[in-house]
mmCIF file of all heavy atoms, coordinates in Angstrom:
data_MODEL
# 
_entry.id   MODEL 
# 
loop_
_atom_site.group_PDB 
_atom_site.id 
_atom_site.type_symbol 
_atom_site.label_atom_id 
_atom_site.label_alt_id 
_atom_site.label_comp_id 
_atom_site.label_asym_id 
_atom_site.label_entity_id 
_atom_site.label_seq_id 
_atom_site.pdbx_PDB_ins_code 
_atom_site.Cartn_x 
_atom_site.Cartn_y 
_atom_site.Cartn_z 
_atom_site.occupancy 
_atom_site.B_iso_or_equiv 
_atom_site.pdbx_formal_charge 
_atom_site.auth_seq_id 
_atom_site.auth_comp_id 
_atom_site.auth_asym_id 
_atom_site.auth_atom_id 
_atom_site.pdbx_PDB_model_num 
ATOM 1   N N   . LEU A 1 1  ? -16.637 13.598 1.305   1.00 0.00 ? 1  LEU A N   1 
ATOM 2   C CA  . LEU A 1 1  ? -15.770 12.563 0.768   1.00 0.00 ? 1  LEU A CA  1 
ATOM 3   C C   . LEU A 1 1  ? -14.344 13.070 0.723   1.00 0.00 ? 1  LEU A C   1 
ATOM 4   O O   . LEU A 1 1  ? -14.107 14.249 0.510   1.00 0.00 ? 1  LEU A O   1 
ATOM 5   C CB  . LEU A 1 1  ? -16.191 12.158 -0.656  1.00 0.00 ? 1  LEU A CB  1 
ATOM 6   C CG  . LEU A 1 1  ? -17.567 11.519 -0.837  1.00 0.00 ? 1  LEU A CG  1 
ATOM 7   C CD1 . LEU A 1 1  ? -17.850 11.366 -2.326  1.00 0.00 ? 1  LEU A CD1 1 
ATOM 8   C CD2 . LEU A 1 1  ? -17.636 10.165 -0.150  1.00 0.00 ? 1  LEU A CD2 1 
ATOM 9   N N   . ASN A 1 2  ? -13.357 12.171 0.937   1.00 0.00 ? 2  ASN A N   1 
ATOM 10  C CA  . ASN A 1 2  ? -11.982 12.555 0.671   1.00 0.00 ? 2  ASN A CA  1 
ATOM 11  C C   . ASN A 1 2  ? -11.613 12.129 -0.740  1.00 0.00 ? 2  ASN A C   1 
ATOM 12  O O   . ASN A 1 2  ? -12.465 11.720 -1.520  1.00 0.00 ? 2  ASN A O   1 
ATOM 13  C CB  . ASN A 1 2  ? -11.039 11.950 1.732   1.00 0.00 ? 2  ASN A CB  1 
ATOM 14  C CG  . ASN A 1 2  ? -11.047 10.432 1.716   1.00 0.00 ? 2  ASN A CG  1 
ATOM 15  O OD1 . ASN A 1 2  ? -11.452 9.799  0.742   1.00 0.00 ? 2  ASN A OD1 1 
ATOM 16  N ND2 . ASN A 1 2  ? -10.587 9.838  2.803   1.00 0.00 ? 2  ASN A ND2 1 
ATOM 17  N N   . ASP A 1 3  ? -10.346 12.223 -1.090  1.00 0.00 ? 3  ASP A N   1 
ATOM 18  C CA  . ASP A 1 3  ? -9.945  11.935 -2.461  1.00 0.00 ? 3  ASP A CA  1 
ATOM 19  C C   . ASP A 1 3  ? -10.260 10.514 -2.883  1.00 0.00 ? 3  ASP A C   1 
ATOM 20  O O   . ASP A 1 3  ? -10.461 10.221 -4.054  1.00 0.00 ? 3  ASP A O   1 
ATOM 21  C CB  . ASP A 1 3  ? -8.437  12.175 -2.630  1.00 0.00 ? 3  ASP A CB  1 
ATOM 22  C CG  . ASP A 1 3  ? -8.127  13.664 -2.713  1.00 0.00 ? 3  ASP A CG  1 
ATOM 23  O OD1 . ASP A 1 3  ? -9.084  14.452 -2.733  1.00 0.00 ? 3  ASP A OD1 1 
ATOM 24  O OD2 . ASP A 1 3  ? -6.942  14.018 -2.756  1.00 0.00 ? 3  ASP A OD2 1 
ATOM 25  N N   . GLU A 1 4  ? -10.269 9.589  -1.906  1.00 0.00 ? 4  GLU A N   1 
ATOM 26  C CA  . GLU A 1 4  ? -10.557 8.202  -2.220  1.00 0.00 ? 4  GLU A CA  1 
ATOM 27  C C   . GLU A 1 4  ? -12.055 7.907  -2.165  1.00 0.00 ? 4  GLU A C   1 
ATOM 28  O O   . GLU A 1 4  ? -12.478 6.764  -2.281  1.00 0.00 ? 4  GLU A O   1 
ATOM 29  C CB  . GLU A 1 4  ? -9.826  7.275  -1.237  1.00 0.00 ? 4  GLU A CB  1 
ATOM 30  C CG  . GLU A 1 4  ? -8.317  7.248  -1.405  1.00 0.00 ? 4  GLU A CG  1 
ATOM 31  C CD  . GLU A 1 4  ? -7.660  8.500  -0.852  1.00 0.00 ? 4  GLU A CD  1 
ATOM 32  O OE1 . GLU A 1 4  ? -8.125  9.000  0.175   1.00 0.00 ? 4  GLU A OE1 1 
ATOM 33  O OE2 . GLU A 1 4  ? -6.703  8.981  -1.482  1.00 0.00 ? 4  GLU A OE2 1 
ATOM 34  N N   . GLY A 1 5  ? -12.869 8.942  -1.984  1.00 0.00 ? 5  GLY A N   1 
ATOM 35  C CA  . GLY A 1 5  ? -14.304 8.735  -1.880  1.00 0.00 ? 5  GLY A CA  1 
ATOM 36  C C   . GLY A 1 5  ? -14.694 8.056  -0.584  1.00 0.00 ? 5  GLY A C   1 
ATOM 37  O O   . GLY A 1 5  ? -15.655 7.308  -0.507  1.00 0.00 ? 5  GLY A O   1 
ATOM 38  N N   . ASP A 1 6  ? -13.924 8.312  0.474   1.00 0.00 ? 6  ASP A N   1 
ATOM 39  C CA  . ASP A 1 6  ? -14.074 7.577  1.721   1.00 0.00 ? 6  ASP A CA  1 
ATOM 40  C C   . ASP A 1 6  ? -14.596 8.493  2.821   1.00 0.00 ? 6  ASP A C   1 
ATOM 41  O O   . ASP A 1 6  ? -14.221 9.640  2.919   1.00 0.00 ? 6  ASP A O   1 
ATOM 42  C CB  . ASP A 1 6  ? -12.716 6.988  2.119   1.00 0.00 ? 6  ASP A CB  1 
ATOM 43  C CG  . ASP A 1 6  ? -12.808 6.105  3.343   1.00 0.00 ? 6  ASP A CG  1 
ATOM 44  O OD1 . ASP A 1 6  ? -13.904 5.577  3.595   1.00 0.00 ? 6  ASP A OD1 1 
ATOM 45  O OD2 . ASP A 1 6  ? -11.788 5.937  4.027   1.00 0.00 ? 6  ASP A OD2 1 
ATOM 46  N N   . THR A 1 7  ? -15.450 7.971  3.654   1.00 0.00 ? 7  THR A N   1 
ATOM 47  C CA  . THR A 1 7  ? -15.886 8.677  4.851   1.00 0.00 ? 7  THR A CA  1 
ATOM 48  C C   . THR A 1 7  ? -16.258 7.651  5.905   1.00 0.00 ? 7  THR A C   1 
ATOM 49  O O   . THR A 1 7  ? -16.718 6.557  5.586   1.00 0.00 ? 7  THR A O   1 
ATOM 50  C CB  . THR A 1 7  ? -17.082 9.613  4.573   1.00 0.00 ? 7  THR A CB  1 
ATOM 51  O OG1 . THR A 1 7  ? -17.427 10.289 5.784   1.00 0.00 ? 7  THR A OG1 1 
ATOM 52  C CG2 . THR A 1 7  ? -18.284 8.865  4.064   1.00 0.00 ? 7  THR A CG2 1 
ATOM 53  N N   . ARG A 1 8  ? -16.034 7.975  7.180   1.00 0.00 ? 8  ARG A N   1 
ATOM 54  C CA  . ARG A 1 8  ? -16.313 7.031  8.253   1.00 0.00 ? 8  ARG A CA  1 
ATOM 55  C C   . ARG A 1 8  ? -17.192 7.709  9.290   1.00 0.00 ? 8  ARG A C   1 
ATOM 56  O O   . ARG A 1 8  ? -16.729 8.572  10.022  1.00 0.00 ? 8  ARG A O   1 
ATOM 57  C CB  . ARG A 1 8  ? -15.018 6.545  8.905   1.00 0.00 ? 8  ARG A CB  1 
ATOM 58  C CG  . ARG A 1 8  ? -14.163 5.664  8.003   1.00 0.00 ? 8  ARG A CG  1 
ATOM 59  C CD  . ARG A 1 8  ? -13.011 5.076  8.806   1.00 0.00 ? 8  ARG A CD  1 
ATOM 60  N NE  . ARG A 1 8  ? -12.269 4.119  8.009   1.00 0.00 ? 8  ARG A NE  1 
ATOM 61  C CZ  . ARG A 1 8  ? -11.133 4.402  7.377   1.00 0.00 ? 8  ARG A CZ  1 
ATOM 62  N NH1 . ARG A 1 8  ? -10.652 5.622  7.429   1.00 0.00 ? 8  ARG A NH1 1 
ATOM 63  N NH2 . ARG A 1 8  ? -10.505 3.486  6.670   1.00 0.00 ? 8  ARG A NH2 1 
ATOM 64  N N   . ASP A 1 9  ? -18.466 7.338  9.309   1.00 0.00 ? 9  ASP A N   1 
ATOM 65  C CA  . ASP A 1 9  ? -19.372 7.768  10.363  1.00 0.00 ? 9  ASP A CA  1 
ATOM 66  C C   . ASP A 1 9  ? -19.332 9.278  10.593  1.00 0.00 ? 9  ASP A C   1 
ATOM 67  O O   . ASP A 1 9  ? -19.143 9.756  11.697  1.00 0.00 ? 9  ASP A O   1 
ATOM 68  C CB  . ASP A 1 9  ? -19.027 7.027  11.663  1.00 0.00 ? 9  ASP A CB  1 
ATOM 69  C CG  . ASP A 1 9  ? -20.074 7.251  12.737  1.00 0.00 ? 9  ASP A CG  1 
ATOM 70  O OD1 . ASP A 1 9  ? -21.237 7.494  12.381  1.00 0.00 ? 9  ASP A OD1 1 
ATOM 71  O OD2 . ASP A 1 9  ? -19.732 7.195  13.938  1.00 0.00 ? 9  ASP A OD2 1 
ATOM 72  N N   . GLY A 1 10 ? -19.507 10.050 9.515   1.00 0.00 ? 10 GLY A N   1 
ATOM 73  C CA  . GLY A 1 10 ? -19.545 11.501 9.653   1.00 0.00 ? 10 GLY A CA  1 
ATOM 74  C C   . GLY A 1 10 ? -18.197 12.151 9.840   1.00 0.00 ? 10 GLY A C   1 
ATOM 75  O O   . GLY A 1 10 ? -18.119 13.306 10.279  1.00 0.00 ? 10 GLY A O   1 
ATOM 76  N N   . LEU A 1 11 ? -17.105 11.435 9.519   1.00 0.00 ? 11 LEU A N   1 
ATOM 77  C CA  . LEU A 1 11 ? -15.757 11.976 9.627   1.00 0.00 ? 11 LEU A CA  1 
ATOM 78  C C   . LEU A 1 11 ? -14.986 11.712 8.341   1.00 0.00 ? 11 LEU A C   1 
ATOM 79  O O   . LEU A 1 11 ? -15.139 10.652 7.726   1.00 0.00 ? 11 LEU A O   1 
ATOM 80  C CB  . LEU A 1 11 ? -14.987 11.320 10.783  1.00 0.00 ? 11 LEU A CB  1 
ATOM 81  C CG  . LEU A 1 11 ? -15.295 11.757 12.210  1.00 0.00 ? 11 LEU A CG  1 
ATOM 82  C CD1 . LEU A 1 11 ? -14.564 10.841 13.184  1.00 0.00 ? 11 LEU A CD1 1 
ATOM 83  C CD2 . LEU A 1 11 ? -14.885 13.201 12.445  1.00 0.00 ? 11 LEU A CD2 1 
ATOM 84  N N   . SER A 1 12 ? -14.153 12.649 7.943   1.00 0.00 ? 12 SER A N   1 
ATOM 85  C CA  . SER A 1 12 ? -13.250 12.439 6.820   1.00 0.00 ? 12 SER A CA  1 
ATOM 86  C C   . SER A 1 12 ? -12.007 13.285 7.054   1.00 0.00 ? 12 SER A C   1 
ATOM 87  O O   . SER A 1 12 ? -12.107 14.474 7.338   1.00 0.00 ? 12 SER A O   1 
ATOM 88  C CB  . SER A 1 12 ? -13.918 12.832 5.490   1.00 0.00 ? 12 SER A CB  1 
ATOM 89  O OG  . SER A 1 12 ? -13.070 12.564 4.403   1.00 0.00 ? 12 SER A OG  1 
ATOM 90  N N   . VAL A 1 13 ? -10.826 12.666 6.977   1.00 0.00 ? 13 VAL A N   1 
ATOM 91  C CA  . VAL A 1 13 ? -9.559  13.368 7.189   1.00 0.00 ? 13 VAL A CA  1 
ATOM 92  C C   . VAL A 1 13 ? -8.627  13.012 6.040   1.00 0.00 ? 13 VAL A C   1 
ATOM 93  O O   . VAL A 1 13 ? -8.544  11.854 5.631   1.00 0.00 ? 13 VAL A O   1 
ATOM 94  C CB  . VAL A 1 13 ? -8.907  12.983 8.533   1.00 0.00 ? 13 VAL A CB  1 
ATOM 95  C CG1 . VAL A 1 13 ? -7.635  13.806 8.750   1.00 0.00 ? 13 VAL A CG1 1 
ATOM 96  C CG2 . VAL A 1 13 ? -9.865  13.179 9.684   1.00 0.00 ? 13 VAL A CG2 1 
ATOM 97  N N   . ASP A 1 14 ? -7.913  14.017 5.530   1.00 0.00 ? 14 ASP A N   1 
ATOM 98  C CA  . ASP A 1 14 ? -7.085  13.769 4.362   1.00 0.00 ? 14 ASP A CA  1 
ATOM 99  C C   . ASP A 1 14 ? -5.907  14.731 4.332   1.00 0.00 ? 14 ASP A C   1 
ATOM 100 O O   . ASP A 1 14 ? -5.923  15.769 4.995   1.00 0.00 ? 14 ASP A O   1 
ATOM 101 C CB  . ASP A 1 14 ? -7.920  13.935 3.089   1.00 0.00 ? 14 ASP A CB  1 
ATOM 102 C CG  . ASP A 1 14 ? -7.397  13.110 1.922   1.00 0.00 ? 14 ASP A CG  1 
ATOM 103 O OD1 . ASP A 1 14 ? -6.369  12.430 2.088   1.00 0.00 ? 14 ASP A OD1 1 
ATOM 104 O OD2 . ASP A 1 14 ? -8.015  13.152 0.859   1.00 0.00 ? 14 ASP A OD2 1 
ATOM 105 N N   . TYR A 1 15 ? -4.886  14.367 3.558   1.00 0.00 ? 15 TYR A N   1 
ATOM 106 C CA  . TYR A 1 15 ? -3.796  15.272 3.206   1.00 0.00 ? 15 TYR A CA  1 
ATOM 107 C C   . TYR A 1 15 ? -3.758  15.334 1.691   1.00 0.00 ? 15 TYR A C   1 
ATOM 108 O O   . TYR A 1 15 ? -3.722  14.309 1.021   1.00 0.00 ? 15 TYR A O   1 
ATOM 109 C CB  . TYR A 1 15 ? -2.452  14.779 3.739   1.00 0.00 ? 15 TYR A CB  1 
ATOM 110 C CG  . TYR A 1 15 ? -1.291  15.667 3.331   1.00 0.00 ? 15 TYR A CG  1 
ATOM 111 C CD1 . TYR A 1 15 ? -1.085  16.880 3.964   1.00 0.00 ? 15 TYR A CD1 1 
ATOM 112 C CD2 . TYR A 1 15 ? -0.436  15.284 2.304   1.00 0.00 ? 15 TYR A CD2 1 
ATOM 113 C CE1 . TYR A 1 15 ? -0.029  17.718 3.592   1.00 0.00 ? 15 TYR A CE1 1 
ATOM 114 C CE2 . TYR A 1 15 ? 0.624   16.110 1.928   1.00 0.00 ? 15 TYR A CE2 1 
ATOM 115 C CZ  . TYR A 1 15 ? 0.821   17.311 2.570   1.00 0.00 ? 15 TYR A CZ  1 
ATOM 116 O OH  . TYR A 1 15 ? 1.851   18.131 2.187   1.00 0.00 ? 15 TYR A OH  1 
ATOM 117 N N   . ARG A 1 16 ? -3.793  16.540 1.130   1.00 0.00 ? 16 ARG A N   1 
ATOM 118 C CA  . ARG A 1 16 ? -3.927  16.687 -0.317  1.00 0.00 ? 16 ARG A CA  1 
ATOM 119 C C   . ARG A 1 16 ? -2.802  17.532 -0.900  1.00 0.00 ? 16 ARG A C   1 
ATOM 120 O O   . ARG A 1 16 ? -2.382  18.521 -0.309  1.00 0.00 ? 16 ARG A O   1 
ATOM 121 C CB  . ARG A 1 16 ? -5.276  17.332 -0.669  1.00 0.00 ? 16 ARG A CB  1 
ATOM 122 C CG  . ARG A 1 16 ? -6.463  16.487 -0.262  1.00 0.00 ? 16 ARG A CG  1 
ATOM 123 C CD  . ARG A 1 16 ? -7.771  17.169 -0.576  1.00 0.00 ? 16 ARG A CD  1 
ATOM 124 N NE  . ARG A 1 16 ? -8.898  16.288 -0.289  1.00 0.00 ? 16 ARG A NE  1 
ATOM 125 C CZ  . ARG A 1 16 ? -10.162 16.652 -0.427  1.00 0.00 ? 16 ARG A CZ  1 
ATOM 126 N NH1 . ARG A 1 16 ? -10.473 17.865 -0.832  1.00 0.00 ? 16 ARG A NH1 1 
ATOM 127 N NH2 . ARG A 1 16 ? -11.129 15.795 -0.151  1.00 0.00 ? 16 ARG A NH2 1 
ATOM 128 N N   . GLU A 1 17 ? -2.361  17.114 -2.064  1.00 0.00 ? 17 GLU A N   1 
ATOM 129 C CA  . GLU A 1 17 ? -1.436  17.885 -2.873  1.00 0.00 ? 17 GLU A CA  1 
ATOM 130 C C   . GLU A 1 17 ? -2.129  18.134 -4.207  1.00 0.00 ? 17 GLU A C   1 
ATOM 131 O O   . GLU A 1 17 ? -2.416  17.196 -4.942  1.00 0.00 ? 17 GLU A O   1 
ATOM 132 C CB  . GLU A 1 17 ? -0.113  17.136 -3.071  1.00 0.00 ? 17 GLU A CB  1 
ATOM 133 C CG  . GLU A 1 17 ? 0.632   16.885 -1.769  1.00 0.00 ? 17 GLU A CG  1 
ATOM 134 C CD  . GLU A 1 17 ? 1.957   16.188 -1.999  1.00 0.00 ? 17 GLU A CD  1 
ATOM 135 O OE1 . GLU A 1 17 ? 2.265   15.863 -3.172  1.00 0.00 ? 17 GLU A OE1 1 
ATOM 136 O OE2 . GLU A 1 17 ? 2.688   15.964 -1.015  1.00 0.00 ? 17 GLU A OE2 1 
ATOM 137 N N   . VAL A 1 18 ? -2.403  19.397 -4.508  1.00 0.00 ? 18 VAL A N   1 
ATOM 138 C CA  . VAL A 1 18 ? -3.241  19.722 -5.653  1.00 0.00 ? 18 VAL A CA  1 
ATOM 139 C C   . VAL A 1 18 ? -2.551  20.748 -6.534  1.00 0.00 ? 18 VAL A C   1 
ATOM 140 O O   . VAL A 1 18 ? -2.125  21.807 -6.065  1.00 0.00 ? 18 VAL A O   1 
ATOM 141 C CB  . VAL A 1 18 ? -4.611  20.281 -5.190  1.00 0.00 ? 18 VAL A CB  1 
ATOM 142 C CG1 . VAL A 1 18 ? -5.526  20.491 -6.390  1.00 0.00 ? 18 VAL A CG1 1 
ATOM 143 C CG2 . VAL A 1 18 ? -5.259  19.343 -4.184  1.00 0.00 ? 18 VAL A CG2 1 
ATOM 144 N N   . ALA A 1 19 ? -2.432  20.429 -7.828  1.00 0.00 ? 19 ALA A N   1 
ATOM 145 C CA  . ALA A 1 19 ? -1.843  21.349 -8.798  1.00 0.00 ? 19 ALA A CA  1 
ATOM 146 C C   . ALA A 1 19 ? -2.937  22.191 -9.440  1.00 0.00 ? 19 ALA A C   1 
ATOM 147 O O   . ALA A 1 19 ? -4.133  21.890 -9.323  1.00 0.00 ? 19 ALA A O   1 
ATOM 148 C CB  . ALA A 1 19 ? -1.068  20.575 -9.861  1.00 0.00 ? 19 ALA A CB  1 
ATOM 149 N N   . SER A 1 20 ? -2.543  23.247 -10.133 1.00 0.00 ? 20 SER A N   1 
ATOM 150 C CA  . SER A 1 20 ? -3.513  24.178 -10.716 1.00 0.00 ? 20 SER A CA  1 
ATOM 151 C C   . SER A 1 20 ? -4.402  23.509 -11.757 1.00 0.00 ? 20 SER A C   1 
ATOM 152 O O   . SER A 1 20 ? -5.519  23.956 -11.999 1.00 0.00 ? 20 SER A O   1 
ATOM 153 C CB  . SER A 1 20 ? -2.783  25.360 -11.351 1.00 0.00 ? 20 SER A CB  1 
ATOM 154 O OG  . SER A 1 20 ? -1.874  24.914 -12.345 1.00 0.00 ? 20 SER A OG  1 
ATOM 155 N N   . ASN A 1 21 ? -3.929  22.424 -12.379 1.00 0.00 ? 21 ASN A N   1 
ATOM 156 C CA  . ASN A 1 21 ? -4.735  21.733 -13.394 1.00 0.00 ? 21 ASN A CA  1 
ATOM 157 C C   . ASN A 1 21 ? -5.500  20.555 -12.830 1.00 0.00 ? 21 ASN A C   1 
ATOM 158 O O   . ASN A 1 21 ? -6.049  19.753 -13.560 1.00 0.00 ? 21 ASN A O   1 
ATOM 159 C CB  . ASN A 1 21 ? -3.840  21.248 -14.542 1.00 0.00 ? 21 ASN A CB  1 
ATOM 160 C CG  . ASN A 1 21 ? -2.765  20.273 -14.066 1.00 0.00 ? 21 ASN A CG  1 
ATOM 161 O OD1 . ASN A 1 21 ? -2.565  20.120 -12.863 1.00 0.00 ? 21 ASN A OD1 1 
ATOM 162 N ND2 . ASN A 1 21 ? -2.083  19.652 -15.006 1.00 0.00 ? 21 ASN A ND2 1 
ATOM 163 N N   . ASN A 1 22 ? -5.553  20.441 -11.498 1.00 0.00 ? 22 ASN A N   1 
ATOM 164 C CA  . ASN A 1 22 ? -6.253  19.332 -10.863 1.00 0.00 ? 22 ASN A CA  1 
ATOM 165 C C   . ASN A 1 22 ? -7.667  19.769 -10.509 1.00 0.00 ? 22 ASN A C   1 
ATOM 166 O O   . ASN A 1 22 ? -7.885  20.878 -10.038 1.00 0.00 ? 22 ASN A O   1 
ATOM 167 C CB  . ASN A 1 22 ? -5.503  18.905 -9.590  1.00 0.00 ? 22 ASN A CB  1 
ATOM 168 C CG  . ASN A 1 22 ? -5.988  17.582 -9.038  1.00 0.00 ? 22 ASN A CG  1 
ATOM 169 O OD1 . ASN A 1 22 ? -7.150  17.443 -8.707  1.00 0.00 ? 22 ASN A OD1 1 
ATOM 170 N ND2 . ASN A 1 22 ? -5.087  16.624 -8.945  1.00 0.00 ? 22 ASN A ND2 1 
ATOM 171 N N   . VAL A 1 23 ? -8.646  18.888 -10.707 1.00 0.00 ? 23 VAL A N   1 
ATOM 172 C CA  . VAL A 1 23 ? -10.050 19.260 -10.496 1.00 0.00 ? 23 VAL A CA  1 
ATOM 173 C C   . VAL A 1 23 ? -10.512 19.032 -9.062  1.00 0.00 ? 23 VAL A C   1 
ATOM 174 O O   . VAL A 1 23 ? -11.662 19.252 -8.740  1.00 0.00 ? 23 VAL A O   1 
ATOM 175 C CB  . VAL A 1 23 ? -10.977 18.462 -11.443 1.00 0.00 ? 23 VAL A CB  1 
ATOM 176 C CG1 . VAL A 1 23 ? -10.692 18.799 -12.878 1.00 0.00 ? 23 VAL A CG1 1 
ATOM 177 C CG2 . VAL A 1 23 ? -10.853 16.952 -11.195 1.00 0.00 ? 23 VAL A CG2 1 
ATOM 178 N N   . VAL A 1 24 ? -9.606  18.577 -8.179  1.00 0.00 ? 24 VAL A N   1 
ATOM 179 C CA  . VAL A 1 24 ? -10.020 18.303 -6.803  1.00 0.00 ? 24 VAL A CA  1 
ATOM 180 C C   . VAL A 1 24 ? -10.525 19.559 -6.118  1.00 0.00 ? 24 VAL A C   1 
ATOM 181 O O   . VAL A 1 24 ? -11.514 19.555 -5.402  1.00 0.00 ? 24 VAL A O   1 
ATOM 182 C CB  . VAL A 1 24 ? -8.860  17.683 -5.991  1.00 0.00 ? 24 VAL A CB  1 
ATOM 183 C CG1 . VAL A 1 24 ? -9.232  17.582 -4.523  1.00 0.00 ? 24 VAL A CG1 1 
ATOM 184 C CG2 . VAL A 1 24 ? -8.526  16.300 -6.544  1.00 0.00 ? 24 VAL A CG2 1 
ATOM 185 N N   . LEU A 1 25 ? -9.840  20.684 -6.335  1.00 0.00 ? 25 LEU A N   1 
ATOM 186 C CA  . LEU A 1 25 ? -10.304 21.951 -5.776  1.00 0.00 ? 25 LEU A CA  1 
ATOM 187 C C   . LEU A 1 25 ? -11.203 22.628 -6.792  1.00 0.00 ? 25 LEU A C   1 
ATOM 188 O O   . LEU A 1 25 ? -10.791 22.892 -7.917  1.00 0.00 ? 25 LEU A O   1 
ATOM 189 C CB  . LEU A 1 25 ? -9.126  22.853 -5.436  1.00 0.00 ? 25 LEU A CB  1 
ATOM 190 C CG  . LEU A 1 25 ? -8.296  22.443 -4.231  1.00 0.00 ? 25 LEU A CG  1 
ATOM 191 C CD1 . LEU A 1 25 ? -7.252  23.509 -3.950  1.00 0.00 ? 25 LEU A CD1 1 
ATOM 192 C CD2 . LEU A 1 25 ? -9.143  22.217 -3.011  1.00 0.00 ? 25 LEU A CD2 1 
# 
């Protein structure tokens, strides 16, 4: 999944900006 919870047919592409207090990583 990408940040938007999106995936297309076994593919997911994203650009992310993540701070130290962000739970994405």
